[in-house]
Full PDB file with SEQRES, HELIX, SHEET, SSBOND, CRYST1, ORIGX, SCALE, CONECT and MASTER records, all heavy atoms in Angstrom:
SEQRES   1 A   34  ALA ARG PRO ALA THR LEU ALA LYS ALA ALA ALA LEU ASN          
SEQRES   2 A   34  GLN GLN THR TRP ALA THR ASP GLN LEU ALA ILE GLY PRO          
SEQRES   3 A   34  ARG ALA ALA TYR LEU TRP CYS GLY                              
HELIX    1 AA1 PRO A    3  LYS A    8  1                                   6    
HELIX    2 AA2 ALA A   10  GLN A   14  5                                   5    
SHEET    1 AA1 2 GLN A  21  ILE A  24  0                                        
SHEET    2 AA1 2 ALA A  29  TRP A  32 -1                                        
CRYST1    1.000    1.000    1.000  90.00  90.00  90.00 P 1           1          
ORIGX1      1.000000  0.000000  0.000000        0.00000                         
ORIGX2      0.000000  1.000000  0.000000        0.00000                         
ORIGX3      0.000000  0.000000  1.000000        0.00000                         
SCALE1      1.000000  0.000000  0.000000        0.00000                         
SCALE2      0.000000  1.000000  0.000000        0.00000                         
SCALE3      0.000000  0.000000  1.000000        0.00000                         
ATOM      1  N   ALA A   1      14.054 -17.859  16.839  1.00  0.00           N  
ATOM      2  CA  ALA A   1      15.214 -18.592  16.340  1.00  0.00           C  
ATOM      3  C   ALA A   1      14.787 -19.733  15.418  1.00  0.00           C  
ATOM      4  O   ALA A   1      15.553 -20.159  14.559  1.00  0.00           O  
ATOM      5  CB  ALA A   1      16.039 -19.142  17.505  1.00  0.00           C  
ATOM      6  N   ARG A   2      13.555 -20.212  15.589  1.00  0.00           N  
ATOM      7  CA  ARG A   2      13.075 -21.361  14.818  1.00  0.00           C  
ATOM      8  C   ARG A   2      11.722 -21.049  14.176  1.00  0.00           C  
ATOM      9  O   ARG A   2      10.798 -20.586  14.855  1.00  0.00           O  
ATOM     10  CB  ARG A   2      12.917 -22.560  15.738  1.00  0.00           C  
ATOM     11  CG  ARG A   2      14.236 -23.031  16.296  1.00  0.00           C  
ATOM     12  CD  ARG A   2      14.024 -24.244  17.207  1.00  0.00           C  
ATOM     13  NE  ARG A   2      15.262 -24.628  17.831  1.00  0.00           N  
ATOM     14  CZ  ARG A   2      15.718 -24.102  18.959  1.00  0.00           C  
ATOM     15  NH1 ARG A   2      15.033 -23.191  19.591  1.00  0.00           N  
ATOM     16  NH2 ARG A   2      16.867 -24.501  19.458  1.00  0.00           N  
ATOM     17  N   PRO A   3      11.579 -21.333  12.893  1.00  0.00           N  
ATOM     18  CA  PRO A   3      10.286 -21.119  12.229  1.00  0.00           C  
ATOM     19  C   PRO A   3       9.138 -21.890  12.892  1.00  0.00           C  
ATOM     20  O   PRO A   3       7.997 -21.451  12.847  1.00  0.00           O  
ATOM     21  CB  PRO A   3      10.527 -21.609  10.804  1.00  0.00           C  
ATOM     22  CG  PRO A   3      12.005 -21.483  10.603  1.00  0.00           C  
ATOM     23  CD  PRO A   3      12.615 -21.762  11.948  1.00  0.00           C  
ATOM     24  N   ALA A   4       9.440 -23.006  13.513  1.00  0.00           N  
ATOM     25  CA  ALA A   4       8.395 -23.792  14.174  1.00  0.00           C  
ATOM     26  C   ALA A   4       7.708 -22.998  15.276  1.00  0.00           C  
ATOM     27  O   ALA A   4       6.533 -23.213  15.567  1.00  0.00           O  
ATOM     28  CB  ALA A   4       8.982 -25.078  14.739  1.00  0.00           C  
ATOM     29  N   THR A   5       8.418 -22.065  15.875  1.00  0.00           N  
ATOM     30  CA  THR A   5       7.817 -21.221  16.911  1.00  0.00           C  
ATOM     31  C   THR A   5       6.709 -20.362  16.313  1.00  0.00           C  
ATOM     32  O   THR A   5       5.646 -20.197  16.916  1.00  0.00           O  
ATOM     33  CB  THR A   5       8.890 -20.331  17.562  1.00  0.00           C  
ATOM     34  OG1 THR A   5       9.904 -21.164  18.130  1.00  0.00           O  
ATOM     35  CG2 THR A   5       8.299 -19.454  18.650  1.00  0.00           C  
ATOM     36  N   LEU A   6       6.950 -19.827  15.124  1.00  0.00           N  
ATOM     37  CA  LEU A   6       5.924 -19.020  14.466  1.00  0.00           C  
ATOM     38  C   LEU A   6       4.707 -19.856  14.108  1.00  0.00           C  
ATOM     39  O   LEU A   6       3.577 -19.376  14.144  1.00  0.00           O  
ATOM     40  CB  LEU A   6       6.490 -18.352  13.216  1.00  0.00           C  
ATOM     41  CG  LEU A   6       7.581 -17.305  13.473  1.00  0.00           C  
ATOM     42  CD1 LEU A   6       8.178 -16.847  12.156  1.00  0.00           C  
ATOM     43  CD2 LEU A   6       7.027 -16.144  14.274  1.00  0.00           C  
ATOM     44  N   ALA A   7       4.936 -21.123  13.783  1.00  0.00           N  
ATOM     45  CA  ALA A   7       3.826 -22.016  13.447  1.00  0.00           C  
ATOM     46  C   ALA A   7       2.871 -22.180  14.624  1.00  0.00           C  
ATOM     47  O   ALA A   7       1.664 -22.359  14.427  1.00  0.00           O  
ATOM     48  CB  ALA A   7       4.363 -23.365  12.998  1.00  0.00           C  
ATOM     49  N   LYS A   8       3.385 -22.078  15.839  1.00  0.00           N  
ATOM     50  CA  LYS A   8       2.538 -22.182  17.027  1.00  0.00           C  
ATOM     51  C   LYS A   8       1.512 -21.058  17.084  1.00  0.00           C  
ATOM     52  O   LYS A   8       0.453 -21.213  17.670  1.00  0.00           O  
ATOM     53  CB  LYS A   8       3.389 -22.153  18.293  1.00  0.00           C  
ATOM     54  CG  LYS A   8       4.284 -23.341  18.480  1.00  0.00           C  
ATOM     55  CD  LYS A   8       5.109 -23.171  19.732  1.00  0.00           C  
ATOM     56  CE  LYS A   8       6.082 -24.311  19.917  1.00  0.00           C  
ATOM     57  NZ  LYS A   8       6.923 -24.123  21.117  1.00  0.00           N  
ATOM     58  N   ALA A   9       1.848 -19.921  16.480  1.00  0.00           N  
ATOM     59  CA  ALA A   9       0.955 -18.766  16.514  1.00  0.00           C  
ATOM     60  C   ALA A   9       0.041 -18.695  15.297  1.00  0.00           C  
ATOM     61  O   ALA A   9      -0.845 -17.844  15.237  1.00  0.00           O  
ATOM     62  CB  ALA A   9       1.777 -17.489  16.622  1.00  0.00           C  
ATOM     63  N   ALA A  10       0.207 -19.575  14.331  1.00  0.00           N  
ATOM     64  CA  ALA A  10      -0.568 -19.519  13.083  1.00  0.00           C  
ATOM     65  C   ALA A  10      -2.073 -19.611  13.325  1.00  0.00           C  
ATOM     66  O   ALA A  10      -2.855 -18.983  12.606  1.00  0.00           O  
ATOM     67  CB  ALA A  10      -0.111 -20.611  12.132  1.00  0.00           C  
ATOM     68  N   ALA A  11      -2.491 -20.353  14.314  1.00  0.00           N  
ATOM     69  CA  ALA A  11      -3.919 -20.487  14.603  1.00  0.00           C  
ATOM     70  C   ALA A  11      -4.557 -19.153  14.981  1.00  0.00           C  
ATOM     71  O   ALA A  11      -5.767 -18.976  14.839  1.00  0.00           O  
ATOM     72  CB  ALA A  11      -4.132 -21.510  15.712  1.00  0.00           C  
ATOM     73  N   LEU A  12      -3.756 -18.216  15.427  1.00  0.00           N  
ATOM     74  CA  LEU A  12      -4.291 -16.900  15.798  1.00  0.00           C  
ATOM     75  C   LEU A  12      -4.867 -16.166  14.592  1.00  0.00           C  
ATOM     76  O   LEU A  12      -5.723 -15.295  14.742  1.00  0.00           O  
ATOM     77  CB  LEU A  12      -3.208 -16.051  16.463  1.00  0.00           C  
ATOM     78  CG  LEU A  12      -2.626 -16.599  17.767  1.00  0.00           C  
ATOM     79  CD1 LEU A  12      -1.491 -15.706  18.256  1.00  0.00           C  
ATOM     80  CD2 LEU A  12      -3.707 -16.729  18.821  1.00  0.00           C  
ATOM     81  N   ASN A  13      -4.406 -16.523  13.397  1.00  0.00           N  
ATOM     82  CA  ASN A  13      -4.931 -15.902  12.180  1.00  0.00           C  
ATOM     83  C   ASN A  13      -6.377 -16.308  11.906  1.00  0.00           C  
ATOM     84  O   ASN A  13      -7.047 -15.672  11.095  1.00  0.00           O  
ATOM     85  CB  ASN A  13      -4.071 -16.259  10.969  1.00  0.00           C  
ATOM     86  CG  ASN A  13      -2.933 -15.288  10.796  1.00  0.00           C  
ATOM     87  OD1 ASN A  13      -3.072 -14.099  11.064  1.00  0.00           O  
ATOM     88  ND2 ASN A  13      -1.807 -15.783  10.345  1.00  0.00           N  
ATOM     89  N   GLN A  14      -6.866 -17.334  12.554  1.00  0.00           N  
ATOM     90  CA  GLN A  14      -8.233 -17.798  12.345  1.00  0.00           C  
ATOM     91  C   GLN A  14      -9.241 -17.022  13.193  1.00  0.00           C  
ATOM     92  O   GLN A  14     -10.443 -17.226  13.066  1.00  0.00           O  
ATOM     93  CB  GLN A  14      -8.330 -19.293  12.675  1.00  0.00           C  
ATOM     94  CG  GLN A  14      -7.363 -20.152  11.900  1.00  0.00           C  
ATOM     95  CD  GLN A  14      -7.496 -19.978  10.397  1.00  0.00           C  
ATOM     96  OE1 GLN A  14      -8.598 -19.949   9.873  1.00  0.00           O  
ATOM     97  NE2 GLN A  14      -6.380 -19.827   9.720  1.00  0.00           N  
ATOM     98  N   GLN A  15      -8.736 -16.139  14.053  1.00  0.00           N  
ATOM     99  CA  GLN A  15      -9.601 -15.383  14.952  1.00  0.00           C  
ATOM    100  C   GLN A  15      -9.696 -13.930  14.505  1.00  0.00           C  
ATOM    101  O   GLN A  15      -8.831 -13.433  13.794  1.00  0.00           O  
ATOM    102  CB  GLN A  15      -9.059 -15.449  16.373  1.00  0.00           C  
ATOM    103  CG  GLN A  15      -8.979 -16.873  16.910  1.00  0.00           C  
ATOM    104  CD  GLN A  15      -8.377 -16.915  18.289  1.00  0.00           C  
ATOM    105  OE1 GLN A  15      -8.663 -16.080  19.122  1.00  0.00           O  
ATOM    106  NE2 GLN A  15      -7.536 -17.911  18.524  1.00  0.00           N  
ATOM    107  N   THR A  16     -10.737 -13.268  14.954  1.00  0.00           N  
ATOM    108  CA  THR A  16     -10.906 -11.846  14.692  1.00  0.00           C  
ATOM    109  C   THR A  16     -10.384 -11.080  15.898  1.00  0.00           C  
ATOM    110  O   THR A  16     -10.725 -11.397  17.037  1.00  0.00           O  
ATOM    111  CB  THR A  16     -12.403 -11.515  14.474  1.00  0.00           C  
ATOM    112  OG1 THR A  16     -12.856 -12.304  13.371  1.00  0.00           O  
ATOM    113  CG2 THR A  16     -12.592 -10.052  14.181  1.00  0.00           C  
ATOM    114  N   TRP A  17      -9.580 -10.072  15.646  1.00  0.00           N  
ATOM    115  CA  TRP A  17      -8.922  -9.336  16.717  1.00  0.00           C  
ATOM    116  C   TRP A  17      -9.302  -7.852  16.742  1.00  0.00           C  
ATOM    117  O   TRP A  17      -8.512  -7.014  17.127  1.00  0.00           O  
ATOM    118  CB  TRP A  17      -7.404  -9.479  16.588  1.00  0.00           C  
ATOM    119  CG  TRP A  17      -6.971 -10.888  16.743  1.00  0.00           C  
ATOM    120  CD1 TRP A  17      -6.653 -11.756  15.746  1.00  0.00           C  
ATOM    121  CD2 TRP A  17      -6.850 -11.614  17.961  1.00  0.00           C  
ATOM    122  NE1 TRP A  17      -6.338 -12.976  16.270  1.00  0.00           N  
ATOM    123  CE2 TRP A  17      -6.442 -12.916  17.625  1.00  0.00           C  
ATOM    124  CE3 TRP A  17      -7.051 -11.289  19.290  1.00  0.00           C  
ATOM    125  CZ2 TRP A  17      -6.235 -13.900  18.590  1.00  0.00           C  
ATOM    126  CZ3 TRP A  17      -6.830 -12.267  20.244  1.00  0.00           C  
ATOM    127  CH2 TRP A  17      -6.425 -13.555  19.896  1.00  0.00           C  
ATOM    128  N   ALA A  18     -10.508  -7.534  16.325  1.00  0.00           N  
ATOM    129  CA  ALA A  18     -10.992  -6.138  16.309  1.00  0.00           C  
ATOM    130  C   ALA A  18     -10.028  -5.281  15.501  1.00  0.00           C  
ATOM    131  O   ALA A  18      -9.872  -5.510  14.317  1.00  0.00           O  
ATOM    132  CB  ALA A  18     -11.195  -5.623  17.723  1.00  0.00           C  
ATOM    133  N   THR A  19      -9.343  -4.350  16.144  1.00  0.00           N  
ATOM    134  CA  THR A  19      -8.437  -3.445  15.423  1.00  0.00           C  
ATOM    135  C   THR A  19      -7.029  -4.000  15.279  1.00  0.00           C  
ATOM    136  O   THR A  19      -6.182  -3.382  14.649  1.00  0.00           O  
ATOM    137  CB  THR A  19      -8.364  -2.074  16.119  1.00  0.00           C  
ATOM    138  OG1 THR A  19      -7.873  -2.264  17.447  1.00  0.00           O  
ATOM    139  CG2 THR A  19      -9.723  -1.407  16.158  1.00  0.00           C  
ATOM    140  N   ASP A  20      -6.757  -5.150  15.884  1.00  0.00           N  
ATOM    141  CA  ASP A  20      -5.436  -5.762  15.784  1.00  0.00           C  
ATOM    142  C   ASP A  20      -5.342  -6.632  14.535  1.00  0.00           C  
ATOM    143  O   ASP A  20      -6.343  -7.164  14.063  1.00  0.00           O  
ATOM    144  CB  ASP A  20      -5.143  -6.627  17.009  1.00  0.00           C  
ATOM    145  CG  ASP A  20      -5.024  -5.827  18.298  1.00  0.00           C  
ATOM    146  OD1 ASP A  20      -5.068  -4.584  18.229  1.00  0.00           O  
ATOM    147  OD2 ASP A  20      -4.901  -6.451  19.355  1.00  0.00           O  
ATOM    148  N   GLN A  21      -4.127  -6.788  14.029  1.00  0.00           N  
ATOM    149  CA  GLN A  21      -3.892  -7.630  12.852  1.00  0.00           C  
ATOM    150  C   GLN A  21      -2.594  -8.398  13.035  1.00  0.00           C  
ATOM    151  O   GLN A  21      -1.673  -7.914  13.691  1.00  0.00           O  
ATOM    152  CB  GLN A  21      -3.780  -6.765  11.608  1.00  0.00           C  
ATOM    153  CG  GLN A  21      -4.993  -5.921  11.371  1.00  0.00           C  
ATOM    154  CD  GLN A  21      -5.655  -6.197  10.058  1.00  0.00           C  
ATOM    155  OE1 GLN A  21      -5.075  -6.820   9.190  1.00  0.00           O  
ATOM    156  NE2 GLN A  21      -6.857  -5.738   9.918  1.00  0.00           N  
ATOM    157  N   LEU A  22      -2.516  -9.561  12.399  1.00  0.00           N  
ATOM    158  CA  LEU A  22      -1.338 -10.418  12.485  1.00  0.00           C  
ATOM    159  C   LEU A  22      -0.952 -10.904  11.100  1.00  0.00           C  
ATOM    160  O   LEU A  22      -1.806 -11.329  10.328  1.00  0.00           O  
ATOM    161  CB  LEU A  22      -1.629 -11.629  13.382  1.00  0.00           C  
ATOM    162  CG  LEU A  22      -0.562 -12.720  13.458  1.00  0.00           C  
ATOM    163  CD1 LEU A  22       0.708 -12.195  14.112  1.00  0.00           C  
ATOM    164  CD2 LEU A  22      -1.096 -13.927  14.213  1.00  0.00           C  
ATOM    165  N   ALA A  23       0.331 -10.823  10.794  1.00  0.00           N  
ATOM    166  CA  ALA A  23       0.886 -11.410   9.573  1.00  0.00           C  
ATOM    167  C   ALA A  23       2.112 -12.207   9.984  1.00  0.00           C  
ATOM    168  O   ALA A  23       2.968 -11.707  10.724  1.00  0.00           O  
ATOM    169  CB  ALA A  23       1.260 -10.333   8.560  1.00  0.00           C  
ATOM    170  N   ILE A  24       2.180 -13.448   9.519  1.00  0.00           N  
ATOM    171  CA  ILE A  24       3.306 -14.307   9.876  1.00  0.00           C  
ATOM    172  C   ILE A  24       4.113 -14.594   8.624  1.00  0.00           C  
ATOM    173  O   ILE A  24       3.590 -15.114   7.638  1.00  0.00           O  
ATOM    174  CB  ILE A  24       2.831 -15.612  10.529  1.00  0.00           C  
ATOM    175  CG1 ILE A  24       2.062 -15.292  11.816  1.00  0.00           C  
ATOM    176  CG2 ILE A  24       4.027 -16.526  10.816  1.00  0.00           C  
ATOM    177  CD1 ILE A  24       1.475 -16.489  12.504  1.00  0.00           C  
ATOM    178  N   GLY A  25       5.386 -14.234   8.673  1.00  0.00           N  
ATOM    179  CA  GLY A  25       6.303 -14.496   7.576  1.00  0.00           C  
ATOM    180  C   GLY A  25       7.187 -15.685   7.910  1.00  0.00           C  
ATOM    181  O   GLY A  25       7.006 -16.333   8.948  1.00  0.00           O  
ATOM    182  N   PRO A  26       8.178 -15.979   7.064  1.00  0.00           N  
ATOM    183  CA  PRO A  26       9.034 -17.143   7.306  1.00  0.00           C  
ATOM    184  C   PRO A  26       9.992 -16.982   8.487  1.00  0.00           C  
ATOM    185  O   PRO A  26      10.415 -17.968   9.075  1.00  0.00           O  
ATOM    186  CB  PRO A  26       9.810 -17.292   6.000  1.00  0.00           C  
ATOM    187  CG  PRO A  26       9.739 -15.959   5.347  1.00  0.00           C  
ATOM    188  CD  PRO A  26       8.466 -15.324   5.799  1.00  0.00           C  
ATOM    189  N   ARG A  27      10.330 -15.748   8.854  1.00  0.00           N  
ATOM    190  CA  ARG A  27      11.301 -15.533   9.933  1.00  0.00           C  
ATOM    191  C   ARG A  27      10.807 -14.616  11.042  1.00  0.00           C  
ATOM    192  O   ARG A  27      11.492 -14.438  12.049  1.00  0.00           O  
ATOM    193  CB  ARG A  27      12.580 -14.951   9.353  1.00  0.00           C  
ATOM    194  CG  ARG A  27      13.279 -15.917   8.437  1.00  0.00           C  
ATOM    195  CD  ARG A  27      14.691 -15.465   8.179  1.00  0.00           C  
ATOM    196  NE  ARG A  27      15.402 -16.498   7.472  1.00  0.00           N  
ATOM    197  CZ  ARG A  27      15.713 -16.423   6.203  1.00  0.00           C  
ATOM    198  NH1 ARG A  27      15.408 -15.362   5.504  1.00  0.00           N  
ATOM    199  NH2 ARG A  27      16.364 -17.405   5.625  1.00  0.00           N  
ATOM    200  N   ALA A  28       9.659 -13.983  10.839  1.00  0.00           N  
ATOM    201  CA  ALA A  28       9.143 -13.048  11.832  1.00  0.00           C  
ATOM    202  C   ALA A  28       7.631 -12.950  11.703  1.00  0.00           C  
ATOM    203  O   ALA A  28       7.050 -13.304  10.684  1.00  0.00           O  
ATOM    204  CB  ALA A  28       9.770 -11.674  11.638  1.00  0.00           C  
ATOM    205  N   ALA A  29       7.019 -12.459  12.766  1.00  0.00           N  
ATOM    206  CA  ALA A  29       5.588 -12.158  12.750  1.00  0.00           C  
ATOM    207  C   ALA A  29       5.432 -10.666  12.973  1.00  0.00           C  
ATOM    208  O   ALA A  29       6.242 -10.038  13.664  1.00  0.00           O  
ATOM    209  CB  ALA A  29       4.873 -12.941  13.842  1.00  0.00           C  
ATOM    210  N   TYR A  30       4.400 -10.123  12.374  1.00  0.00           N  
ATOM    211  CA  TYR A  30       4.152  -8.686  12.440  1.00  0.00           C  
ATOM    212  C   TYR A  30       2.783  -8.473  13.067  1.00  0.00           C  
ATOM    213  O   TYR A  30       1.791  -9.028  12.593  1.00  0.00           O  
ATOM    214  CB  TYR A  30       4.212  -8.084  11.036  1.00  0.00           C  
ATOM    215  CG  TYR A  30       5.521  -8.396  10.357  1.00  0.00           C  
ATOM    216  CD1 TYR A  30       5.672  -9.562   9.613  1.00  0.00           C  
ATOM    217  CD2 TYR A  30       6.616  -7.556  10.492  1.00  0.00           C  
ATOM    218  CE1 TYR A  30       6.880  -9.875   9.005  1.00  0.00           C  
ATOM    219  CE2 TYR A  30       7.826  -7.859   9.890  1.00  0.00           C  
ATOM    220  CZ  TYR A  30       7.950  -9.024   9.150  1.00  0.00           C  
ATOM    221  OH  TYR A  30       9.145  -9.325   8.562  1.00  0.00           O  
ATOM    222  N   LEU A  31       2.756  -7.700  14.131  1.00  0.00           N  
ATOM    223  CA  LEU A  31       1.513  -7.471  14.860  1.00  0.00           C  
ATOM    224  C   LEU A  31       1.183  -5.987  14.856  1.00  0.00           C  
ATOM    225  O   LEU A  31       2.021  -5.167  15.258  1.00  0.00           O  
ATOM    226  CB  LEU A  31       1.635  -7.935  16.311  1.00  0.00           C  
ATOM    227  CG  LEU A  31       1.808  -9.420  16.578  1.00  0.00           C  
ATOM    228  CD1 LEU A  31       3.254  -9.841  16.423  1.00  0.00           C  
ATOM    229  CD2 LEU A  31       1.332  -9.759  17.962  1.00  0.00           C  
ATOM    230  N   TRP A  32      -0.013  -5.646  14.384  1.00  0.00           N  
ATOM    231  CA  TRP A  32      -0.504  -4.282  14.483  1.00  0.00           C  
ATOM    232  C   TRP A  32      -1.471  -4.262  15.662  1.00  0.00           C  
ATOM    233  O   TRP A  32      -2.454  -5.011  15.693  1.00  0.00           O  
ATOM    234  CB  TRP A  32      -1.217  -3.848  13.207  1.00  0.00           C  
ATOM    235  CG  TRP A  32      -1.876  -2.522  13.385  1.00  0.00           C  
ATOM    236  CD1 TRP A  32      -3.215  -2.292  13.558  1.00  0.00           C  
ATOM    237  CD2 TRP A  32      -1.243  -1.249  13.442  1.00  0.00           C  
ATOM    238  NE1 TRP A  32      -3.444  -0.953  13.706  1.00  0.00           N  
ATOM    239  CE2 TRP A  32      -2.240  -0.281  13.647  1.00  0.00           C  
ATOM    240  CE3 TRP A  32       0.087  -0.833  13.337  1.00  0.00           C  
ATOM    241  CZ2 TRP A  32      -1.966   1.071  13.757  1.00  0.00           C  
ATOM    242  CZ3 TRP A  32       0.367   0.513  13.439  1.00  0.00           C  
ATOM    243  CH2 TRP A  32      -0.649   1.450  13.648  1.00  0.00           C  
ATOM    244  N   CYS A  33      -1.179  -3.432  16.636  1.00  0.00           N  
ATOM    245  CA  CYS A  33      -1.983  -3.345  17.854  1.00  0.00           C  
ATOM    246  C   CYS A  33      -2.759  -2.032  17.819  1.00  0.00           C  
ATOM    247  O   CYS A  33      -2.270  -0.988  18.258  1.00  0.00           O  
ATOM    248  CB  CYS A  33      -1.075  -3.416  19.080  1.00  0.00           C  
ATOM    249  SG  CYS A  33      -0.035  -4.891  19.101  1.00  0.00           S  
ATOM    250  N   GLY A  34      -3.962  -2.083  17.285  1.00  0.00           N  
ATOM    251  CA  GLY A  34      -4.748  -0.897  17.012  1.00  0.00           C  
ATOM    252  C   GLY A  34      -5.081  -0.045  18.223  1.00  0.00           C  
ATOM    253  O   GLY A  34      -5.207   1.165  18.110  1.00  0.00           O  
TER     254      GLY A  34                                                      
MASTER        0    0    0    2    2    0    0    6  253    1    0    3          
END                                                                             
């Protein structure tokens, strides 16, 4: 409901997730779970 919630997850982009990937947009986040 709030973009600030997505900002809480932004630090996850600094990590390596093997086959998983993360993209954060202005209203949603997209997670590929390999």
